[in-house]
């Protein structure tokens, strides 16, 4: 799970969910179930941290190729936070 701009990117099986941490509202959902793999990790990358990279794992199934993949999700309208930037969590 990554927390960016007080929002969460939560991994649940075949989905990456973007959740507002203040209200709990689902802001977006990336469904990767068609690829038959469980999501294993997410991170932001690219020059301006505008690309969400998603890794997956699973078992080899006919028609689904290799069991692990790397997805690059573009045009989300959000960016990640740079390492070393102080983060103050709201409680």
C-alpha atoms as a PDB file:
ATOM      1  CA  UNK A   1       0.000   0.000   0.000  1.00  0.00           C
ATOM      2  CA  UNK A   2       1.295   3.485  -0.874  1.00  0.00           C
ATOM      3  CA  UNK A   3      -0.041   6.690   0.681  1.00  0.00           C
ATOM      4  CA  UNK A   4       0.190   9.732  -1.628  1.00  0.00           C
ATOM      5  CA  UNK A   5      -1.478  13.121  -1.015  1.00  0.00           C
ATOM      6  CA  UNK A   6      -3.415  11.590   1.857  1.00  0.00           C
ATOM      7  CA  UNK A   7      -4.814   8.923  -0.454  1.00  0.00           C
ATOM      8  CA  UNK A   8      -4.160   5.193  -0.495  1.00  0.00           C
ATOM      9  CA  UNK A   9      -3.410   2.835  -3.370  1.00  0.00           C
ATOM     10  CA  UNK A  10      -4.576  -0.515  -1.996  1.00  0.00           C
ATOM     11  CA  UNK A  11      -3.904  -3.918  -3.575  1.00  0.00           C
ATOM     12  CA  UNK A  12      -6.659  -6.515  -3.431  1.00  0.00           C
ATOM     13  CA  UNK A  13      -6.095  -9.668  -5.472  1.00  0.00           C
ATOM     14  CA  UNK A  14      -6.592  -8.516  -9.081  1.00  0.00           C
ATOM     15  CA  UNK A  15      -7.331  -4.857  -8.343  1.00  0.00           C
ATOM     16  CA  UNK A  16      -5.514  -1.664  -7.450  1.00  0.00           C
ATOM     17  CA  UNK A  17      -7.897   0.648  -5.606  1.00  0.00           C
ATOM     18  CA  UNK A  18      -7.378   4.413  -5.127  1.00  0.00           C
ATOM     19  CA  UNK A  19      -9.043   5.425  -1.835  1.00  0.00           C
ATOM     20  CA  UNK A  20      -9.457   8.834  -0.189  1.00  0.00           C
ATOM     21  CA  UNK A  21      -8.018   8.314   3.292  1.00  0.00           C
ATOM     22  CA  UNK A  22     -10.175  11.022   4.876  1.00  0.00           C
ATOM     23  CA  UNK A  23     -13.583   9.878   3.656  1.00  0.00           C
ATOM     24  CA  UNK A  24     -12.923   6.270   2.641  1.00  0.00           C
ATOM     25  CA  UNK A  25     -14.396   7.067  -0.779  1.00  0.00           C
ATOM     26  CA  UNK A  26     -13.259   4.922  -3.674  1.00  0.00           C
ATOM     27  CA  UNK A  27     -11.634   7.367  -6.120  1.00  0.00           C
ATOM     28  CA  UNK A  28     -10.647   4.849  -8.755  1.00  0.00           C
ATOM     29  CA  UNK A  29     -10.188   1.198  -9.479  1.00  0.00           C
ATOM     30  CA  UNK A  30      -7.789  -0.567 -11.847  1.00  0.00           C
ATOM     31  CA  UNK A  31      -9.012  -4.081 -12.571  1.00  0.00           C
ATOM     32  CA  UNK A  32      -6.327  -6.437 -13.886  1.00  0.00           C
ATOM     33  CA  UNK A  33      -8.367  -9.638 -13.494  1.00  0.00           C
ATOM     34  CA  UNK A  34      -8.321 -10.308 -17.243  1.00  0.00           C
ATOM     35  CA  UNK A  35      -4.618 -11.115 -16.873  1.00  0.00           C
ATOM     36  CA  UNK A  36      -5.299 -13.867 -14.301  1.00  0.00           C
ATOM     37  CA  UNK A  37      -2.697 -12.719 -11.804  1.00  0.00           C
ATOM     38  CA  UNK A  38      -2.683 -11.369  -8.273  1.00  0.00           C
ATOM     39  CA  UNK A  39      -1.193  -7.910  -7.749  1.00  0.00           C
ATOM     40  CA  UNK A  40       1.999  -8.091  -5.671  1.00  0.00           C
ATOM     41  CA  UNK A  41       3.282  -4.494  -5.476  1.00  0.00           C
ATOM     42  CA  UNK A  42       2.825  -0.926  -6.722  1.00  0.00           C
ATOM     43  CA  UNK A  43       5.145   2.065  -6.964  1.00  0.00           C
ATOM     44  CA  UNK A  44       5.201   5.384  -8.769  1.00  0.00           C
ATOM     45  CA  UNK A  45       7.946   6.083 -11.312  1.00  0.00           C
ATOM     46  CA  UNK A  46       8.781   8.133 -14.368  1.00  0.00           C
ATOM     47  CA  UNK A  47      10.357  11.572 -14.581  1.00  0.00           C
ATOM     48  CA  UNK A  48       7.600  13.232 -12.545  1.00  0.00           C
ATOM     49  CA  UNK A  49       6.369  10.094 -10.729  1.00  0.00           C
ATOM     50  CA  UNK A  50       3.327  10.099 -12.993  1.00  0.00           C
ATOM     51  CA  UNK A  51       3.407   6.387 -13.899  1.00  0.00           C
ATOM     52  CA  UNK A  52       2.040   3.751 -11.535  1.00  0.00           C
ATOM     53  CA  UNK A  53       4.026   0.537 -11.914  1.00  0.00           C
ATOM     54  CA  UNK A  54       2.213  -2.622 -10.860  1.00  0.00           C
ATOM     55  CA  UNK A  55       3.785  -6.063 -10.478  1.00  0.00           C
ATOM     56  CA  UNK A  56       1.847  -9.301 -10.442  1.00  0.00           C
ATOM     57  CA  UNK A  57       2.395 -12.950  -9.730  1.00  0.00           C
ATOM     58  CA  UNK A  58       0.459 -16.138 -10.155  1.00  0.00           C
ATOM     59  CA  UNK A  59       0.552 -19.555 -11.681  1.00  0.00           C
ATOM     60  CA  UNK A  60       1.015 -20.303 -15.349  1.00  0.00           C
ATOM     61  CA  UNK A  61      -2.392 -20.791 -16.990  1.00  0.00           C
ATOM     62  CA  UNK A  62      -3.091 -21.669 -20.624  1.00  0.00           C
ATOM     63  CA  UNK A  63      -3.686 -18.512 -22.618  1.00  0.00           C
ATOM     64  CA  UNK A  64      -2.303 -16.128 -19.982  1.00  0.00           C
ATOM     65  CA  UNK A  65       1.420 -16.241 -20.769  1.00  0.00           C
ATOM     66  CA  UNK A  66       4.037 -16.120 -18.043  1.00  0.00           C
ATOM     67  CA  UNK A  67       2.909 -15.954 -14.403  1.00  0.00           C
ATOM     68  CA  UNK A  68       4.536 -12.609 -13.460  1.00  0.00           C
ATOM     69  CA  UNK A  69       4.110  -9.258 -15.167  1.00  0.00           C
ATOM     70  CA  UNK A  70       5.002  -5.575 -14.877  1.00  0.00           C
ATOM     71  CA  UNK A  71       2.291  -3.097 -15.851  1.00  0.00           C
ATOM     72  CA  UNK A  72       2.856   0.640 -16.412  1.00  0.00           C
ATOM     73  CA  UNK A  73      -0.352   2.605 -15.808  1.00  0.00           C
ATOM     74  CA  UNK A  74      -0.334   6.089 -17.416  1.00  0.00           C
ATOM     75  CA  UNK A  75      -2.668   9.103 -17.325  1.00  0.00           C
ATOM     76  CA  UNK A  76      -4.018   8.641 -13.793  1.00  0.00           C
ATOM     77  CA  UNK A  77      -4.060  12.369 -13.066  1.00  0.00           C
ATOM     78  CA  UNK A  78      -2.016  11.916  -9.870  1.00  0.00           C
ATOM     79  CA  UNK A  79       1.674  11.628  -9.038  1.00  0.00           C
ATOM     80  CA  UNK A  80       3.693   9.890  -6.375  1.00  0.00           C
ATOM     81  CA  UNK A  81       5.733  11.555  -3.623  1.00  0.00           C
ATOM     82  CA  UNK A  82       9.507  11.930  -3.892  1.00  0.00           C
ATOM     83  CA  UNK A  83      11.709   9.995  -1.448  1.00  0.00           C
ATOM     84  CA  UNK A  84      13.095  12.119   1.348  1.00  0.00           C
ATOM     85  CA  UNK A  85      10.193  14.574   1.287  1.00  0.00           C
ATOM     86  CA  UNK A  86       8.832  14.917   4.839  1.00  0.00           C
ATOM     87  CA  UNK A  87       5.370  13.447   5.199  1.00  0.00           C
ATOM     88  CA  UNK A  88       2.985  14.462   7.954  1.00  0.00           C
ATOM     89  CA  UNK A  89       0.193  11.979   8.457  1.00  0.00           C
ATOM     90  CA  UNK A  90      -3.180  13.314   9.591  1.00  0.00           C
ATOM     91  CA  UNK A  91      -4.897  11.564  12.500  1.00  0.00           C
END
